[in-house]
């Protein structure tokens, strides 16, 4: 039996270089001082930047980190992979979670993970975010946030323990 693999990528090597440069520019400029911030502050800063700057373009082929972080127009996958990329660079444990129709993130603050879905909070004021640092019982809103099978195993749950309560924080009044 002979197998032929033909990998498919969402971005080119050149686009990955551009992403790397943009990530470093963000860390050094817009996110300056992140190294001294606590985990919550880093997560909130990245989430705010993504929700304020990105535009959701449903039904498009813009599924990559590149379409998000460079072009600012993407679908849920671009939102979640951009958050993943930025938070990992900041030392935050983060995962992209998905099902057949949608993608979002879980992030660790302290000893537990919380759900966040920047796609559904795009262009909203911080005080109106409804998908930020939620436990599973608050987050599961029908079929949209049902985890795919590989994210629903006992092994996954042990490796990524979810908080049983939403993260407690005080939103700031701000403008989009």
N, C-alpha and C. Protein backbone atom coordinates (compact mmCIF):
# COMPACT_ATOMS: atom_id res chain seq x y z
N UNK A 1 0.85 -1.17 0.00
CA UNK A 1 0.00 0.00 0.00
C UNK A 1 0.89 1.23 0.00
N UNK A 2 0.57 2.15 -0.88
CA UNK A 2 1.32 3.40 -0.97
C UNK A 2 0.38 4.55 -0.61
N UNK A 3 0.86 5.41 0.29
CA UNK A 3 0.10 6.58 0.68
C UNK A 3 0.81 7.82 0.18
N UNK A 4 0.04 8.74 -0.31
CA UNK A 4 0.58 10.03 -0.74
C UNK A 4 -0.09 11.11 0.10
N UNK A 5 0.74 11.88 0.78
CA UNK A 5 0.23 12.96 1.60
C UNK A 5 0.41 14.29 0.86
N UNK A 6 -0.63 15.09 0.87
CA UNK A 6 -0.58 16.42 0.28
C UNK A 6 -1.11 17.41 1.32
N UNK A 7 -0.22 17.88 2.19
CA UNK A 7 -0.68 18.78 3.24
C UNK A 7 -1.21 20.09 2.65
N UNK A 8 -2.15 20.63 3.35
CA UNK A 8 -2.76 21.89 2.97
C UNK A 8 -2.59 22.87 4.13
N UNK A 9 -2.18 24.08 3.85
CA UNK A 9 -1.93 25.08 4.87
C UNK A 9 -2.85 26.27 4.67
N UNK A 10 -3.18 26.94 5.78
CA UNK A 10 -4.03 28.12 5.71
C UNK A 10 -3.23 29.39 5.44
N UNK A 11 -1.91 29.31 5.54
CA UNK A 11 -1.07 30.46 5.26
C UNK A 11 0.24 30.00 4.64
N UNK A 12 0.86 30.91 3.91
CA UNK A 12 2.14 30.62 3.26
C UNK A 12 3.28 30.90 4.24
N UNK A 13 4.49 30.48 3.87
CA UNK A 13 5.66 30.75 4.71
C UNK A 13 5.86 32.26 4.84
N UNK A 14 5.62 33.00 3.78
CA UNK A 14 5.76 34.45 3.81
C UNK A 14 4.73 35.07 4.76
N UNK A 15 3.51 34.56 4.72
CA UNK A 15 2.49 35.08 5.63
C UNK A 15 2.84 34.76 7.08
N UNK A 16 3.42 33.59 7.34
CA UNK A 16 3.83 33.24 8.69
C UNK A 16 4.92 34.19 9.20
N UNK A 17 5.83 34.58 8.32
CA UNK A 17 6.85 35.57 8.69
C UNK A 17 6.20 36.90 9.04
N UNK A 18 5.20 37.30 8.27
CA UNK A 18 4.49 38.55 8.53
C UNK A 18 3.73 38.47 9.87
N UNK A 19 3.14 37.32 10.15
CA UNK A 19 2.46 37.11 11.43
C UNK A 19 3.46 37.24 12.58
N UNK A 20 4.62 36.59 12.45
CA UNK A 20 5.66 36.66 13.49
C UNK A 20 6.04 38.11 13.77
N UNK A 21 6.23 38.90 12.71
CA UNK A 21 6.61 40.31 12.88
C UNK A 21 5.49 41.09 13.56
N UNK A 22 4.25 40.83 13.19
CA UNK A 22 3.12 41.53 13.79
C UNK A 22 2.99 41.17 15.27
N UNK A 23 3.16 39.90 15.60
CA UNK A 23 3.08 39.48 17.00
C UNK A 23 4.15 40.21 17.81
N UNK A 24 5.37 40.25 17.32
CA UNK A 24 6.43 40.93 18.04
C UNK A 24 6.16 42.43 18.16
N UNK A 25 5.62 43.04 17.12
CA UNK A 25 5.28 44.47 17.17
C UNK A 25 4.19 44.72 18.22
N UNK A 26 3.19 43.85 18.28
CA UNK A 26 2.14 44.00 19.29
C UNK A 26 2.71 43.86 20.69
N UNK A 27 3.54 42.85 20.91
CA UNK A 27 4.12 42.62 22.23
C UNK A 27 4.97 43.81 22.67
N UNK A 28 5.65 44.44 21.72
CA UNK A 28 6.55 45.54 22.04
C UNK A 28 5.87 46.90 22.09
N UNK A 29 4.69 47.03 21.50
CA UNK A 29 4.03 48.34 21.41
C UNK A 29 2.68 48.33 22.12
N UNK A 30 1.64 47.88 21.44
CA UNK A 30 0.29 47.91 22.01
C UNK A 30 0.20 47.17 23.35
N UNK A 31 0.94 46.07 23.47
CA UNK A 31 0.89 45.26 24.69
C UNK A 31 2.12 45.48 25.59
N UNK A 32 2.80 46.58 25.38
CA UNK A 32 4.00 46.87 26.15
C UNK A 32 3.72 46.76 27.65
N UNK A 33 4.62 46.09 28.35
CA UNK A 33 4.48 45.90 29.79
C UNK A 33 3.75 44.61 30.17
N UNK A 34 3.40 43.81 29.18
CA UNK A 34 2.65 42.59 29.45
C UNK A 34 3.40 41.64 30.39
N UNK A 35 4.71 41.71 30.36
CA UNK A 35 5.51 40.78 31.15
C UNK A 35 5.27 40.92 32.65
N UNK A 36 4.85 42.10 33.11
CA UNK A 36 4.62 42.33 34.53
C UNK A 36 3.14 42.20 34.91
N UNK A 37 2.29 41.92 33.94
CA UNK A 37 0.86 41.79 34.21
C UNK A 37 0.51 40.39 34.70
N UNK A 38 -0.56 40.30 35.48
CA UNK A 38 -1.06 38.99 35.89
C UNK A 38 -1.77 38.31 34.72
N UNK A 39 -2.10 37.05 34.90
CA UNK A 39 -2.72 36.28 33.81
C UNK A 39 -4.03 36.90 33.33
N UNK A 40 -4.88 37.29 34.26
CA UNK A 40 -6.15 37.90 33.88
C UNK A 40 -5.94 39.14 33.02
N UNK A 41 -5.04 40.01 33.41
CA UNK A 41 -4.81 41.25 32.67
C UNK A 41 -4.31 40.98 31.26
N UNK A 42 -3.46 39.98 31.10
CA UNK A 42 -2.98 39.62 29.76
C UNK A 42 -4.12 39.10 28.89
N UNK A 43 -4.93 38.21 29.46
CA UNK A 43 -6.05 37.64 28.72
C UNK A 43 -7.03 38.75 28.31
N UNK A 44 -7.36 39.60 29.24
CA UNK A 44 -8.30 40.69 28.96
C UNK A 44 -7.75 41.63 27.89
N UNK A 45 -6.48 41.97 27.96
CA UNK A 45 -5.86 42.88 26.99
C UNK A 45 -5.93 42.30 25.58
N UNK A 46 -5.60 41.03 25.43
CA UNK A 46 -5.64 40.39 24.11
C UNK A 46 -7.08 40.29 23.61
N UNK A 47 -7.98 39.86 24.48
CA UNK A 47 -9.39 39.72 24.11
C UNK A 47 -9.96 41.06 23.65
N UNK A 48 -9.64 42.11 24.39
CA UNK A 48 -10.13 43.45 24.03
C UNK A 48 -9.57 43.86 22.67
N UNK A 49 -8.28 43.65 22.45
CA UNK A 49 -7.66 44.04 21.19
C UNK A 49 -8.33 43.32 20.02
N UNK A 50 -8.55 42.03 20.16
CA UNK A 50 -9.18 41.25 19.09
C UNK A 50 -10.62 41.70 18.87
N UNK A 51 -11.40 41.81 19.94
CA UNK A 51 -12.82 42.15 19.76
C UNK A 51 -13.00 43.58 19.23
N UNK A 52 -12.09 44.47 19.54
CA UNK A 52 -12.21 45.85 19.06
C UNK A 52 -11.71 46.02 17.64
N UNK A 53 -10.75 45.20 17.23
CA UNK A 53 -10.10 45.41 15.93
C UNK A 53 -10.59 44.51 14.80
N UNK A 54 -11.07 43.33 15.13
CA UNK A 54 -11.44 42.38 14.08
C UNK A 54 -12.88 42.59 13.62
N UNK A 55 -13.12 42.14 12.40
CA UNK A 55 -14.47 42.12 11.83
C UNK A 55 -14.78 40.69 11.44
N UNK A 56 -15.96 40.22 11.82
CA UNK A 56 -16.41 38.87 11.45
C UNK A 56 -16.94 38.92 10.02
N UNK A 57 -16.41 38.04 9.17
CA UNK A 57 -16.86 37.95 7.78
C UNK A 57 -17.36 36.53 7.52
N UNK A 58 -18.57 36.26 7.98
CA UNK A 58 -19.17 34.94 7.85
C UNK A 58 -19.29 34.50 6.40
N UNK A 59 -19.17 33.20 6.21
CA UNK A 59 -19.29 32.63 4.88
C UNK A 59 -18.09 32.86 3.99
N UNK A 60 -17.01 33.35 4.58
CA UNK A 60 -15.82 33.62 3.77
C UNK A 60 -14.82 32.48 3.90
N UNK A 61 -13.73 32.59 3.16
CA UNK A 61 -12.65 31.60 3.24
C UNK A 61 -11.50 32.13 4.10
N UNK A 62 -11.77 33.10 4.92
CA UNK A 62 -10.75 33.70 5.78
C UNK A 62 -10.71 32.96 7.11
N UNK A 63 -9.97 31.87 7.14
CA UNK A 63 -9.93 30.98 8.31
C UNK A 63 -8.61 31.02 9.07
N UNK A 64 -7.70 31.87 8.70
CA UNK A 64 -6.35 31.78 9.25
C UNK A 64 -6.03 32.86 10.26
N UNK A 65 -4.96 32.64 10.98
CA UNK A 65 -4.42 33.67 11.87
C UNK A 65 -4.05 34.89 11.03
N UNK A 66 -3.54 34.67 9.85
CA UNK A 66 -3.16 35.77 8.96
C UNK A 66 -4.34 36.66 8.65
N UNK A 67 -5.48 36.08 8.31
CA UNK A 67 -6.65 36.89 7.97
C UNK A 67 -7.12 37.71 9.17
N UNK A 68 -6.84 37.22 10.37
CA UNK A 68 -7.20 37.96 11.57
C UNK A 68 -6.18 39.02 11.93
N UNK A 69 -4.98 38.60 12.23
CA UNK A 69 -3.99 39.50 12.81
C UNK A 69 -3.41 40.50 11.80
N UNK A 70 -3.47 40.18 10.51
CA UNK A 70 -2.94 41.09 9.49
C UNK A 70 -4.06 41.84 8.78
N UNK A 71 -5.10 41.12 8.37
CA UNK A 71 -6.17 41.74 7.59
C UNK A 71 -7.35 42.22 8.44
N UNK A 72 -7.44 41.74 9.68
CA UNK A 72 -8.50 42.11 10.63
C UNK A 72 -9.90 41.69 10.17
N UNK A 73 -9.99 40.80 9.22
CA UNK A 73 -11.27 40.27 8.75
C UNK A 73 -11.15 38.75 8.68
N UNK A 74 -12.01 38.06 9.44
CA UNK A 74 -11.87 36.62 9.53
C UNK A 74 -13.15 35.98 10.06
N UNK A 75 -13.16 34.67 10.09
CA UNK A 75 -14.24 33.92 10.73
C UNK A 75 -13.73 33.45 12.10
N UNK A 76 -14.53 32.68 12.80
CA UNK A 76 -14.21 32.28 14.17
C UNK A 76 -12.84 31.63 14.30
N UNK A 77 -12.43 30.86 13.33
CA UNK A 77 -11.12 30.20 13.42
C UNK A 77 -10.00 31.22 13.47
N UNK A 78 -10.09 32.27 12.69
CA UNK A 78 -9.07 33.32 12.73
C UNK A 78 -9.07 34.08 14.05
N UNK A 79 -10.25 34.29 14.62
CA UNK A 79 -10.34 34.92 15.94
C UNK A 79 -9.63 34.04 16.97
N UNK A 80 -10.01 32.77 17.00
CA UNK A 80 -9.51 31.88 18.06
C UNK A 80 -8.02 31.55 17.89
N UNK A 81 -7.55 31.41 16.66
CA UNK A 81 -6.12 31.11 16.48
C UNK A 81 -5.26 32.33 16.76
N UNK A 82 -5.78 33.52 16.51
CA UNK A 82 -5.03 34.73 16.86
C UNK A 82 -4.91 34.86 18.37
N UNK A 83 -6.01 34.66 19.08
CA UNK A 83 -5.94 34.71 20.55
C UNK A 83 -4.98 33.65 21.06
N UNK A 84 -5.05 32.46 20.50
CA UNK A 84 -4.13 31.38 20.89
C UNK A 84 -2.68 31.83 20.70
N UNK A 85 -2.38 32.34 19.54
CA UNK A 85 -1.01 32.74 19.22
C UNK A 85 -0.49 33.82 20.17
N UNK A 86 -1.30 34.84 20.39
CA UNK A 86 -0.86 35.95 21.25
C UNK A 86 -0.72 35.51 22.70
N UNK A 87 -1.68 34.78 23.22
CA UNK A 87 -1.60 34.37 24.62
C UNK A 87 -0.47 33.38 24.86
N UNK A 88 -0.24 32.48 23.92
CA UNK A 88 0.89 31.55 24.08
C UNK A 88 2.22 32.31 24.12
N UNK A 89 2.33 33.35 23.30
CA UNK A 89 3.55 34.17 23.33
C UNK A 89 3.71 34.86 24.67
N UNK A 90 2.61 35.10 25.37
CA UNK A 90 2.64 35.75 26.68
C UNK A 90 2.70 34.74 27.82
N UNK A 91 2.85 33.47 27.51
CA UNK A 91 3.00 32.45 28.54
C UNK A 91 1.70 31.98 29.16
N UNK A 92 0.59 32.23 28.51
CA UNK A 92 -0.72 31.81 29.02
C UNK A 92 -1.10 30.48 28.36
N UNK A 93 -1.49 29.50 29.15
CA UNK A 93 -1.96 28.23 28.61
C UNK A 93 -3.33 28.47 27.95
N UNK A 94 -3.42 28.08 26.71
CA UNK A 94 -4.60 28.39 25.91
C UNK A 94 -4.81 27.28 24.88
N UNK A 95 -6.05 27.00 24.55
CA UNK A 95 -6.38 26.01 23.52
C UNK A 95 -7.45 26.58 22.61
N UNK A 96 -7.42 26.15 21.37
CA UNK A 96 -8.55 26.38 20.46
C UNK A 96 -9.46 25.17 20.60
N UNK A 97 -10.73 25.42 20.84
CA UNK A 97 -11.74 24.38 20.96
C UNK A 97 -12.69 24.54 19.79
N UNK A 98 -13.15 23.41 19.24
CA UNK A 98 -14.02 23.54 18.07
C UNK A 98 -15.00 22.38 17.97
N UNK A 99 -15.94 22.59 17.09
CA UNK A 99 -16.84 21.54 16.62
C UNK A 99 -16.92 21.71 15.10
N UNK A 100 -17.86 21.10 14.46
CA UNK A 100 -17.92 21.18 12.99
C UNK A 100 -18.24 22.58 12.49
N UNK A 101 -18.86 23.42 13.33
CA UNK A 101 -19.34 24.72 12.87
C UNK A 101 -18.67 25.93 13.48
N UNK A 102 -17.94 25.77 14.58
CA UNK A 102 -17.47 26.95 15.29
C UNK A 102 -16.20 26.66 16.08
N UNK A 103 -15.43 27.70 16.34
CA UNK A 103 -14.23 27.60 17.14
C UNK A 103 -14.14 28.72 18.15
N UNK A 104 -13.56 28.44 19.32
CA UNK A 104 -13.38 29.42 20.39
C UNK A 104 -12.18 28.98 21.21
N UNK A 105 -11.96 29.58 22.36
CA UNK A 105 -10.79 29.27 23.17
C UNK A 105 -11.17 28.88 24.59
N UNK A 106 -10.24 28.16 25.22
CA UNK A 106 -10.21 28.06 26.67
C UNK A 106 -8.85 28.60 27.10
N UNK A 107 -8.82 29.29 28.24
CA UNK A 107 -7.57 29.85 28.77
C UNK A 107 -7.48 29.54 30.25
N UNK A 108 -6.25 29.36 30.70
CA UNK A 108 -6.04 29.08 32.12
C UNK A 108 -5.69 30.36 32.86
N UNK A 109 -6.42 30.59 33.93
CA UNK A 109 -6.09 31.64 34.89
C UNK A 109 -6.05 30.94 36.24
N UNK A 110 -4.90 30.99 36.87
CA UNK A 110 -4.73 30.24 38.11
C UNK A 110 -4.70 28.76 37.81
N UNK A 111 -5.53 27.99 38.49
CA UNK A 111 -5.52 26.53 38.34
C UNK A 111 -6.59 26.01 37.38
N UNK A 112 -7.42 26.89 36.85
CA UNK A 112 -8.56 26.43 36.05
C UNK A 112 -8.64 27.13 34.71
N UNK A 113 -9.35 26.47 33.81
CA UNK A 113 -9.59 27.01 32.47
C UNK A 113 -10.99 27.61 32.39
N UNK A 114 -11.11 28.60 31.51
CA UNK A 114 -12.37 29.30 31.26
C UNK A 114 -12.59 29.42 29.76
N UNK A 115 -13.83 29.41 29.35
CA UNK A 115 -14.19 29.59 27.95
C UNK A 115 -14.20 31.07 27.59
N UNK A 116 -13.80 31.36 26.37
CA UNK A 116 -14.01 32.69 25.82
C UNK A 116 -14.22 32.58 24.33
N UNK A 117 -15.12 33.41 23.82
CA UNK A 117 -15.46 33.39 22.41
C UNK A 117 -15.50 34.82 21.89
N UNK A 118 -14.37 35.28 21.38
CA UNK A 118 -14.26 36.65 20.91
C UNK A 118 -15.12 36.92 19.68
N UNK A 119 -15.44 35.89 18.92
CA UNK A 119 -16.27 36.09 17.73
C UNK A 119 -17.60 36.73 18.11
N UNK A 120 -18.20 36.28 19.19
CA UNK A 120 -19.53 36.76 19.56
C UNK A 120 -19.49 38.04 20.39
N UNK A 121 -18.31 38.48 20.79
CA UNK A 121 -18.20 39.76 21.50
C UNK A 121 -17.55 40.84 20.64
N UNK A 122 -17.36 40.56 19.35
CA UNK A 122 -16.72 41.53 18.47
C UNK A 122 -17.53 42.82 18.41
N UNK A 123 -16.80 43.92 18.47
CA UNK A 123 -17.37 45.28 18.36
C UNK A 123 -18.33 45.62 19.50
N UNK A 124 -18.19 44.96 20.65
CA UNK A 124 -19.02 45.32 21.80
C UNK A 124 -18.13 45.92 22.89
N UNK A 125 -18.73 46.78 23.70
CA UNK A 125 -18.01 47.36 24.82
C UNK A 125 -17.67 46.26 25.82
N UNK A 126 -16.59 46.46 26.52
CA UNK A 126 -16.16 45.50 27.54
C UNK A 126 -17.29 45.21 28.52
N UNK A 127 -18.04 46.21 28.89
CA UNK A 127 -19.12 46.02 29.86
C UNK A 127 -20.27 45.19 29.30
N UNK A 128 -20.25 44.90 27.99
CA UNK A 128 -21.29 44.10 27.36
C UNK A 128 -20.81 42.73 26.89
N UNK A 129 -19.57 42.38 27.19
CA UNK A 129 -19.06 41.07 26.81
C UNK A 129 -19.91 39.99 27.47
N UNK A 130 -20.31 39.01 26.69
CA UNK A 130 -21.13 37.92 27.24
C UNK A 130 -20.48 36.55 27.05
N UNK A 131 -19.27 36.53 26.52
CA UNK A 131 -18.58 35.26 26.24
C UNK A 131 -17.15 35.26 26.75
N UNK A 132 -16.91 35.94 27.86
CA UNK A 132 -15.56 36.13 28.37
C UNK A 132 -15.39 35.45 29.72
N UNK A 133 -14.49 34.47 29.77
CA UNK A 133 -14.10 33.77 30.99
C UNK A 133 -15.28 33.13 31.71
N UNK A 134 -15.97 32.27 30.98
CA UNK A 134 -17.15 31.59 31.51
C UNK A 134 -16.86 30.12 31.78
N UNK A 135 -17.53 29.58 32.80
CA UNK A 135 -17.48 28.15 33.05
C UNK A 135 -18.38 27.45 32.02
N UNK A 136 -18.28 26.15 31.94
CA UNK A 136 -19.07 25.41 30.93
C UNK A 136 -20.57 25.60 31.08
N UNK A 137 -21.08 25.60 32.30
CA UNK A 137 -22.54 25.70 32.47
C UNK A 137 -23.07 27.06 32.02
N UNK A 138 -22.27 28.11 32.11
CA UNK A 138 -22.70 29.43 31.63
C UNK A 138 -22.49 29.58 30.13
N UNK A 139 -21.56 28.83 29.59
CA UNK A 139 -21.12 29.02 28.21
C UNK A 139 -21.89 28.20 27.19
N UNK A 140 -22.34 27.04 27.56
CA UNK A 140 -22.95 26.15 26.59
C UNK A 140 -24.30 26.67 26.14
N UNK A 141 -24.29 27.28 24.98
CA UNK A 141 -25.47 27.95 24.44
C UNK A 141 -25.99 27.19 23.22
N UNK A 142 -26.49 26.01 23.44
CA UNK A 142 -26.99 25.21 22.32
C UNK A 142 -25.87 24.58 21.52
N UNK A 143 -26.15 24.31 20.28
CA UNK A 143 -25.22 23.59 19.41
C UNK A 143 -23.92 24.35 19.14
N UNK A 144 -23.96 25.68 19.17
CA UNK A 144 -22.79 26.46 18.78
C UNK A 144 -21.56 26.14 19.64
N UNK A 145 -21.75 25.91 20.92
CA UNK A 145 -20.61 25.67 21.80
C UNK A 145 -20.52 24.23 22.31
N UNK A 146 -21.11 23.31 21.62
CA UNK A 146 -20.88 21.90 21.94
C UNK A 146 -19.49 21.52 21.45
N UNK A 147 -18.69 21.02 22.36
CA UNK A 147 -17.32 20.67 21.99
C UNK A 147 -17.29 19.45 21.09
N UNK A 148 -16.34 19.46 20.16
CA UNK A 148 -16.10 18.28 19.35
C UNK A 148 -15.65 17.13 20.24
N UNK A 149 -15.77 15.92 19.73
CA UNK A 149 -15.49 14.71 20.52
C UNK A 149 -14.11 14.71 21.17
N UNK A 150 -13.09 15.16 20.46
CA UNK A 150 -11.73 15.11 21.03
C UNK A 150 -11.53 16.05 22.20
N UNK A 151 -12.45 17.03 22.36
CA UNK A 151 -12.37 17.96 23.48
C UNK A 151 -13.32 17.59 24.61
N UNK A 152 -13.96 16.44 24.50
CA UNK A 152 -14.96 16.02 25.49
C UNK A 152 -14.56 14.75 26.23
N UNK A 153 -13.33 14.32 26.09
CA UNK A 153 -12.89 13.08 26.74
C UNK A 153 -12.49 13.32 28.19
N UNK A 154 -12.46 12.26 28.97
CA UNK A 154 -11.99 12.35 30.36
C UNK A 154 -10.53 12.79 30.39
N UNK A 155 -9.73 12.28 29.47
CA UNK A 155 -8.32 12.64 29.41
C UNK A 155 -8.16 14.15 29.18
N UNK A 156 -8.93 14.70 28.25
CA UNK A 156 -8.87 16.13 27.98
C UNK A 156 -9.30 16.93 29.22
N UNK A 157 -10.37 16.51 29.85
CA UNK A 157 -10.87 17.20 31.04
C UNK A 157 -9.87 17.18 32.19
N UNK A 158 -9.11 16.10 32.31
CA UNK A 158 -8.10 16.02 33.35
C UNK A 158 -6.92 16.94 33.04
N UNK A 159 -6.57 17.01 31.78
CA UNK A 159 -5.45 17.86 31.36
C UNK A 159 -5.81 19.34 31.41
N UNK A 160 -7.08 19.66 31.14
CA UNK A 160 -7.55 21.04 31.09
C UNK A 160 -8.77 21.19 32.01
N UNK A 161 -8.54 21.22 33.32
CA UNK A 161 -9.67 21.29 34.25
C UNK A 161 -10.40 22.63 34.15
N UNK A 162 -11.69 22.56 33.90
CA UNK A 162 -12.52 23.75 33.75
C UNK A 162 -13.03 24.22 35.12
N UNK A 163 -13.08 25.51 35.28
CA UNK A 163 -13.66 26.08 36.50
C UNK A 163 -15.15 25.76 36.54
N UNK A 164 -15.67 25.59 37.72
CA UNK A 164 -17.10 25.36 37.90
C UNK A 164 -17.88 26.66 38.04
N UNK A 165 -17.15 27.78 38.08
CA UNK A 165 -17.77 29.10 38.19
C UNK A 165 -17.15 30.05 37.18
N UNK A 166 -17.91 31.05 36.76
CA UNK A 166 -17.37 32.09 35.90
C UNK A 166 -16.27 32.83 36.65
N UNK A 167 -15.32 33.37 35.90
CA UNK A 167 -14.28 34.19 36.51
C UNK A 167 -14.91 35.51 36.96
N UNK A 168 -14.61 35.92 38.16
CA UNK A 168 -15.18 37.15 38.70
C UNK A 168 -14.28 38.34 38.38
N UNK A 169 -14.84 39.31 37.69
CA UNK A 169 -14.08 40.51 37.31
C UNK A 169 -15.06 41.65 37.12
N UNK A 170 -14.55 42.86 37.13
CA UNK A 170 -15.37 44.06 36.97
C UNK A 170 -15.05 44.71 35.63
N UNK A 171 -16.03 44.72 34.71
CA UNK A 171 -15.77 45.40 33.43
C UNK A 171 -15.65 46.91 33.62
N UNK A 172 -14.89 47.51 32.74
CA UNK A 172 -14.72 48.95 32.74
C UNK A 172 -15.67 49.56 31.72
N UNK A 173 -16.21 50.71 32.01
CA UNK A 173 -17.02 51.41 31.01
C UNK A 173 -16.07 51.98 29.98
N UNK A 174 -16.26 51.61 28.75
CA UNK A 174 -15.41 52.09 27.69
C UNK A 174 -16.20 52.16 26.40
N UNK A 175 -15.58 52.72 25.42
CA UNK A 175 -16.22 52.84 24.11
C UNK A 175 -15.52 51.95 23.11
N UNK A 176 -16.26 51.49 22.15
CA UNK A 176 -15.67 50.69 21.08
C UNK A 176 -15.11 51.63 20.05
